[in-house]
Amino acid sequence: MSLEQPVFTKINESFSCSNCHYSVPPAQSTCRDHCPKCLYSIHVDNNPGDRASLCKGILKPIAFSQHKKKGFMIHYQCLSCGEEKRNKFLENDCFIADDFNILLKLSGVTKVVT
């Protein structure tokens, strides 16, 4: 029995944040999919980077957790369809790191991930 692993497509490009309208540059060493200023994102992927989701709703940051290998993870909920997703917080990007103060504002709703 084999479990299907998500297929990753690398798309690292600039975009304008749909929430705060910040002009978001590409990340240094990974693919950026959320705004470093407000942490909001757009529901564009079914699998990371595929841009295949038909939803296109705004992903609101609702909580965070800490992954033992990846570090802080932002938890999102789509304001259109309700789906929950998570992605890595970029705290060490030399182009522009994610705003740690915004992450801390989510501290009242941290999730325990096992």
N, C-alpha and C. Protein backbone atom coordinates (compact mmCIF):
# COMPACT_ATOMS: atom_id res chain seq x y z
N MET A 1 0.84 -1.18 0.00
CA MET A 1 0.00 0.00 0.00
C MET A 1 0.88 1.24 0.00
N SER A 2 0.64 2.15 -0.93
CA SER A 2 1.44 3.37 -0.98
C SER A 2 0.54 4.59 -0.80
N LEU A 3 1.03 5.54 -0.06
CA LEU A 3 0.30 6.78 0.13
C LEU A 3 0.79 7.78 -0.91
N GLU A 4 -0.14 8.47 -1.54
CA GLU A 4 0.25 9.46 -2.54
C GLU A 4 0.84 10.67 -1.83
N GLN A 5 1.98 11.12 -2.32
CA GLN A 5 2.62 12.33 -1.82
C GLN A 5 2.19 13.49 -2.69
N PRO A 6 2.00 14.69 -2.12
CA PRO A 6 1.65 15.83 -2.95
C PRO A 6 2.75 16.14 -3.94
N VAL A 7 2.35 16.58 -5.10
CA VAL A 7 3.29 16.97 -6.15
C VAL A 7 3.61 18.44 -5.95
N PHE A 8 4.88 18.79 -5.91
CA PHE A 8 5.30 20.16 -5.72
C PHE A 8 5.73 20.77 -7.04
N THR A 9 5.20 21.94 -7.35
CA THR A 9 5.59 22.70 -8.52
C THR A 9 6.21 23.99 -8.02
N LYS A 10 7.43 24.29 -8.46
CA LYS A 10 8.11 25.49 -7.96
C LYS A 10 7.72 26.70 -8.79
N ILE A 11 6.97 27.61 -8.18
CA ILE A 11 6.63 28.89 -8.78
C ILE A 11 6.96 29.96 -7.75
N ASN A 12 7.99 30.75 -8.01
CA ASN A 12 8.44 31.78 -7.09
C ASN A 12 8.45 33.10 -7.83
N GLU A 13 7.33 33.82 -7.74
CA GLU A 13 7.21 35.06 -8.48
C GLU A 13 6.61 36.14 -7.60
N SER A 14 6.77 37.39 -8.00
CA SER A 14 6.20 38.49 -7.24
C SER A 14 4.69 38.54 -7.46
N PHE A 15 3.98 39.16 -6.52
CA PHE A 15 2.53 39.33 -6.64
C PHE A 15 2.08 40.47 -5.74
N SER A 16 0.88 40.94 -5.94
CA SER A 16 0.30 41.99 -5.10
C SER A 16 -0.65 41.32 -4.10
N CYS A 17 -0.49 41.65 -2.83
CA CYS A 17 -1.32 41.06 -1.78
C CYS A 17 -2.77 41.52 -1.94
N SER A 18 -3.69 40.58 -1.95
CA SER A 18 -5.11 40.89 -2.08
C SER A 18 -5.70 41.49 -0.81
N ASN A 19 -5.00 41.34 0.32
CA ASN A 19 -5.50 41.87 1.58
C ASN A 19 -4.97 43.29 1.84
N CYS A 20 -3.65 43.48 1.84
CA CYS A 20 -3.07 44.78 2.19
C CYS A 20 -2.47 45.52 0.99
N HIS A 21 -2.46 44.87 -0.18
CA HIS A 21 -1.98 45.45 -1.44
C HIS A 21 -0.47 45.70 -1.49
N TYR A 22 0.28 45.07 -0.59
CA TYR A 22 1.74 45.17 -0.61
C TYR A 22 2.26 44.45 -1.85
N SER A 23 3.28 45.01 -2.47
CA SER A 23 3.92 44.38 -3.63
C SER A 23 4.94 43.37 -3.11
N VAL A 24 4.59 42.09 -3.16
CA VAL A 24 5.38 41.02 -2.54
C VAL A 24 6.44 40.51 -3.51
N PRO A 25 7.73 40.59 -3.12
CA PRO A 25 8.80 40.07 -3.99
C PRO A 25 8.92 38.55 -3.85
N PRO A 26 9.59 37.89 -4.79
CA PRO A 26 9.85 36.45 -4.64
C PRO A 26 10.70 36.19 -3.39
N ALA A 27 10.64 34.98 -2.89
CA ALA A 27 11.46 34.59 -1.73
C ALA A 27 12.86 34.24 -2.20
N GLN A 28 13.79 34.21 -1.26
CA GLN A 28 15.18 33.91 -1.57
C GLN A 28 15.40 32.45 -1.91
N SER A 29 14.95 31.54 -1.06
CA SER A 29 15.33 30.14 -1.22
C SER A 29 14.16 29.17 -1.34
N THR A 30 12.95 29.69 -1.36
CA THR A 30 11.78 28.83 -1.46
C THR A 30 10.71 29.57 -2.25
N CYS A 31 9.55 29.00 -2.37
CA CYS A 31 8.45 29.66 -3.08
C CYS A 31 7.58 30.41 -2.08
N ARG A 32 7.39 31.69 -2.33
CA ARG A 32 6.55 32.48 -1.43
C ARG A 32 5.11 32.43 -1.93
N ASP A 33 4.19 32.12 -1.03
CA ASP A 33 2.78 32.08 -1.42
C ASP A 33 1.92 32.97 -0.54
N HIS A 34 2.54 33.74 0.35
CA HIS A 34 1.77 34.61 1.24
C HIS A 34 2.50 35.94 1.42
N CYS A 35 1.77 36.93 1.86
CA CYS A 35 2.32 38.26 2.07
C CYS A 35 3.17 38.29 3.34
N PRO A 36 4.40 38.81 3.27
CA PRO A 36 5.24 38.87 4.47
C PRO A 36 4.79 39.95 5.46
N LYS A 37 3.95 40.87 5.02
CA LYS A 37 3.50 41.96 5.89
C LYS A 37 2.25 41.60 6.71
N CYS A 38 1.27 40.94 6.07
CA CYS A 38 0.01 40.62 6.78
C CYS A 38 -0.23 39.11 6.89
N LEU A 39 0.58 38.30 6.21
CA LEU A 39 0.54 36.84 6.20
C LEU A 39 -0.65 36.23 5.46
N TYR A 40 -1.48 37.06 4.84
CA TYR A 40 -2.61 36.53 4.05
C TYR A 40 -2.10 35.89 2.77
N SER A 41 -2.92 35.01 2.20
CA SER A 41 -2.58 34.31 0.97
C SER A 41 -3.85 34.17 0.13
N ILE A 42 -3.73 33.51 -1.00
CA ILE A 42 -4.87 33.25 -1.88
C ILE A 42 -4.95 31.74 -2.10
N HIS A 43 -6.15 31.21 -2.11
CA HIS A 43 -6.38 29.77 -2.32
C HIS A 43 -6.25 29.45 -3.81
N VAL A 44 -5.01 29.28 -4.27
CA VAL A 44 -4.76 29.03 -5.69
C VAL A 44 -4.27 27.61 -5.98
N ASP A 45 -3.81 26.89 -4.96
CA ASP A 45 -3.20 25.58 -5.19
C ASP A 45 -4.04 24.43 -4.63
N ASN A 46 -4.07 23.32 -5.37
CA ASN A 46 -4.55 22.05 -4.82
C ASN A 46 -3.35 21.34 -4.21
N ASN A 47 -2.26 21.24 -4.97
CA ASN A 47 -0.97 20.76 -4.49
C ASN A 47 -0.03 21.95 -4.56
N PRO A 48 0.98 22.02 -3.68
CA PRO A 48 1.84 23.20 -3.63
C PRO A 48 2.39 23.61 -5.01
N GLY A 49 2.07 24.85 -5.39
CA GLY A 49 2.60 25.43 -6.61
C GLY A 49 1.84 25.12 -7.89
N ASP A 50 0.80 24.29 -7.84
CA ASP A 50 0.16 23.88 -9.10
C ASP A 50 -0.81 24.91 -9.68
N ARG A 51 -1.26 25.86 -8.87
CA ARG A 51 -2.19 26.93 -9.29
C ARG A 51 -3.46 26.35 -9.92
N ALA A 52 -3.89 25.17 -9.46
CA ALA A 52 -5.02 24.46 -10.06
C ALA A 52 -6.34 24.64 -9.30
N SER A 53 -6.33 25.30 -8.15
CA SER A 53 -7.57 25.47 -7.40
C SER A 53 -8.50 26.43 -8.13
N LEU A 54 -9.76 26.08 -8.19
CA LEU A 54 -10.76 26.95 -8.81
C LEU A 54 -11.32 27.96 -7.81
N CYS A 55 -11.03 27.81 -6.53
CA CYS A 55 -11.61 28.65 -5.48
C CYS A 55 -11.16 30.12 -5.59
N LYS A 56 -9.88 30.36 -5.50
CA LYS A 56 -9.27 31.71 -5.55
C LYS A 56 -9.71 32.61 -4.40
N GLY A 57 -10.21 32.02 -3.30
CA GLY A 57 -10.62 32.80 -2.14
C GLY A 57 -9.42 33.28 -1.34
N ILE A 58 -9.65 34.22 -0.44
CA ILE A 58 -8.59 34.75 0.42
C ILE A 58 -8.36 33.77 1.56
N LEU A 59 -7.08 33.43 1.80
CA LEU A 59 -6.69 32.57 2.91
C LEU A 59 -6.28 33.47 4.08
N LYS A 60 -7.07 33.43 5.14
CA LYS A 60 -6.81 34.24 6.33
C LYS A 60 -5.96 33.45 7.31
N PRO A 61 -4.87 34.06 7.83
CA PRO A 61 -4.09 33.37 8.86
C PRO A 61 -4.91 33.30 10.15
N ILE A 62 -5.06 32.08 10.68
CA ILE A 62 -5.92 31.91 11.85
C ILE A 62 -5.18 31.37 13.08
N ALA A 63 -4.00 30.80 12.86
CA ALA A 63 -3.24 30.21 13.97
C ALA A 63 -1.84 29.88 13.48
N PHE A 64 -0.99 29.43 14.40
CA PHE A 64 0.31 28.92 13.99
C PHE A 64 0.70 27.74 14.87
N SER A 65 1.64 26.97 14.36
CA SER A 65 2.19 25.85 15.12
C SER A 65 3.68 25.82 14.85
N GLN A 66 4.38 24.95 15.54
CA GLN A 66 5.81 24.80 15.29
C GLN A 66 6.09 23.36 14.87
N HIS A 67 6.69 23.22 13.69
CA HIS A 67 7.07 21.93 13.14
C HIS A 67 8.53 21.69 13.52
N LYS A 68 8.87 20.47 13.93
CA LYS A 68 10.23 20.23 14.42
C LYS A 68 11.30 20.39 13.35
N LYS A 69 10.96 20.26 12.07
CA LYS A 69 11.95 20.45 11.00
C LYS A 69 11.76 21.75 10.23
N LYS A 70 10.51 22.14 10.01
CA LYS A 70 10.22 23.31 9.17
C LYS A 70 10.14 24.62 9.95
N GLY A 71 10.05 24.56 11.26
CA GLY A 71 9.90 25.78 12.06
C GLY A 71 8.43 26.17 12.18
N PHE A 72 8.18 27.46 12.27
CA PHE A 72 6.80 27.94 12.43
C PHE A 72 5.99 27.69 11.17
N MET A 73 4.75 27.26 11.38
CA MET A 73 3.81 27.01 10.29
C MET A 73 2.59 27.89 10.50
N ILE A 74 2.18 28.60 9.44
CA ILE A 74 0.99 29.43 9.49
C ILE A 74 -0.20 28.58 9.08
N HIS A 75 -1.27 28.62 9.86
CA HIS A 75 -2.51 27.91 9.54
C HIS A 75 -3.50 28.91 8.96
N TYR A 76 -4.10 28.54 7.84
CA TYR A 76 -5.02 29.41 7.11
C TYR A 76 -6.40 28.79 7.04
N GLN A 77 -7.40 29.65 6.89
CA GLN A 77 -8.74 29.19 6.52
C GLN A 77 -9.21 30.05 5.36
N CYS A 78 -9.71 29.37 4.32
CA CYS A 78 -10.21 30.07 3.14
C CYS A 78 -11.53 30.75 3.49
N LEU A 79 -11.61 32.05 3.20
CA LEU A 79 -12.83 32.80 3.50
C LEU A 79 -13.96 32.49 2.53
N SER A 80 -13.64 31.81 1.40
CA SER A 80 -14.68 31.45 0.43
C SER A 80 -15.23 30.04 0.65
N CYS A 81 -14.33 29.05 0.72
CA CYS A 81 -14.79 27.66 0.80
C CYS A 81 -14.60 27.01 2.17
N GLY A 82 -13.86 27.66 3.07
CA GLY A 82 -13.67 27.13 4.42
C GLY A 82 -12.53 26.14 4.58
N GLU A 83 -11.88 25.74 3.48
CA GLU A 83 -10.78 24.77 3.58
C GLU A 83 -9.65 25.34 4.42
N GLU A 84 -9.01 24.47 5.21
CA GLU A 84 -7.86 24.88 6.01
C GLU A 84 -6.58 24.37 5.37
N LYS A 85 -5.57 25.23 5.36
CA LYS A 85 -4.26 24.91 4.80
C LYS A 85 -3.20 25.40 5.77
N ARG A 86 -1.96 25.03 5.53
CA ARG A 86 -0.85 25.58 6.32
C ARG A 86 0.37 25.70 5.43
N ASN A 87 1.25 26.62 5.83
CA ASN A 87 2.48 26.84 5.09
C ASN A 87 3.55 27.37 6.02
N LYS A 88 4.77 27.23 5.58
CA LYS A 88 5.94 27.61 6.35
C LYS A 88 6.05 29.13 6.49
N PHE A 89 6.31 29.59 7.70
CA PHE A 89 6.60 30.99 8.00
C PHE A 89 8.05 31.25 7.58
N LEU A 90 8.28 32.29 6.79
CA LEU A 90 9.63 32.58 6.28
C LEU A 90 10.31 33.61 7.17
N GLU A 91 10.98 33.12 8.22
CA GLU A 91 11.60 34.05 9.17
C GLU A 91 13.01 34.45 8.80
N ASN A 92 13.66 33.75 7.89
CA ASN A 92 15.05 34.03 7.56
C ASN A 92 15.27 34.36 6.09
N ASP A 93 14.28 34.88 5.41
CA ASP A 93 14.44 35.24 4.00
C ASP A 93 15.19 36.57 3.92
N CYS A 94 16.31 36.61 3.20
CA CYS A 94 17.11 37.84 3.17
C CYS A 94 16.49 38.92 2.29
N PHE A 95 15.57 38.57 1.39
CA PHE A 95 14.89 39.60 0.59
C PHE A 95 13.88 40.34 1.46
N ILE A 96 12.98 39.60 2.07
CA ILE A 96 12.05 40.17 3.06
C ILE A 96 11.46 39.02 3.88
N ALA A 97 11.78 39.02 5.17
CA ALA A 97 11.28 37.98 6.07
C ALA A 97 9.83 38.28 6.44
N ASP A 98 9.09 37.23 6.80
CA ASP A 98 7.72 37.41 7.28
C ASP A 98 7.73 38.19 8.60
N ASP A 99 6.67 38.93 8.85
CA ASP A 99 6.56 39.78 10.03
C ASP A 99 6.24 38.93 11.27
N PHE A 100 7.25 38.79 12.13
CA PHE A 100 7.10 37.96 13.32
C PHE A 100 6.04 38.52 14.28
N ASN A 101 5.90 39.85 14.32
CA ASN A 101 4.88 40.46 15.20
C ASN A 101 3.47 40.05 14.78
N ILE A 102 3.24 39.91 13.48
CA ILE A 102 1.93 39.46 13.00
C ILE A 102 1.70 38.01 13.42
N LEU A 103 2.75 37.18 13.31
CA LEU A 103 2.63 35.79 13.75
C LEU A 103 2.28 35.72 15.24
N LEU A 104 2.93 36.56 16.04
CA LEU A 104 2.67 36.56 17.48
C LEU A 104 1.25 36.97 17.82
N LYS A 105 0.62 37.78 16.97
CA LYS A 105 -0.78 38.16 17.20
C LYS A 105 -1.71 36.95 17.10
N LEU A 106 -1.23 35.89 16.44
CA LEU A 106 -2.00 34.65 16.35
C LEU A 106 -1.76 33.74 17.55
N SER A 107 -0.93 34.19 18.50
CA SER A 107 -0.50 33.32 19.60
C SER A 107 -1.63 32.84 20.49
N GLY A 108 -2.74 33.53 20.52
CA GLY A 108 -3.87 33.08 21.32
C GLY A 108 -4.58 31.89 20.72
N VAL A 109 -4.23 31.56 19.48
CA VAL A 109 -4.91 30.46 18.78
C VAL A 109 -3.91 29.47 18.20
N THR A 110 -2.82 29.20 18.93
CA THR A 110 -1.85 28.24 18.45
C THR A 110 -2.48 26.86 18.39
N LYS A 111 -2.03 26.07 17.43
CA LYS A 111 -2.53 24.70 17.28
C LYS A 111 -1.42 23.73 17.65
N VAL A 112 -1.78 22.64 18.27
CA VAL A 112 -0.83 21.58 18.57
C VAL A 112 -0.92 20.57 17.43
N VAL A 113 0.21 20.37 16.76
CA VAL A 113 0.25 19.44 15.64
C VAL A 113 1.13 18.27 16.04
N THR A 114 0.60 17.08 15.93
CA THR A 114 1.38 15.89 16.31
C THR A 114 1.91 15.19 15.10
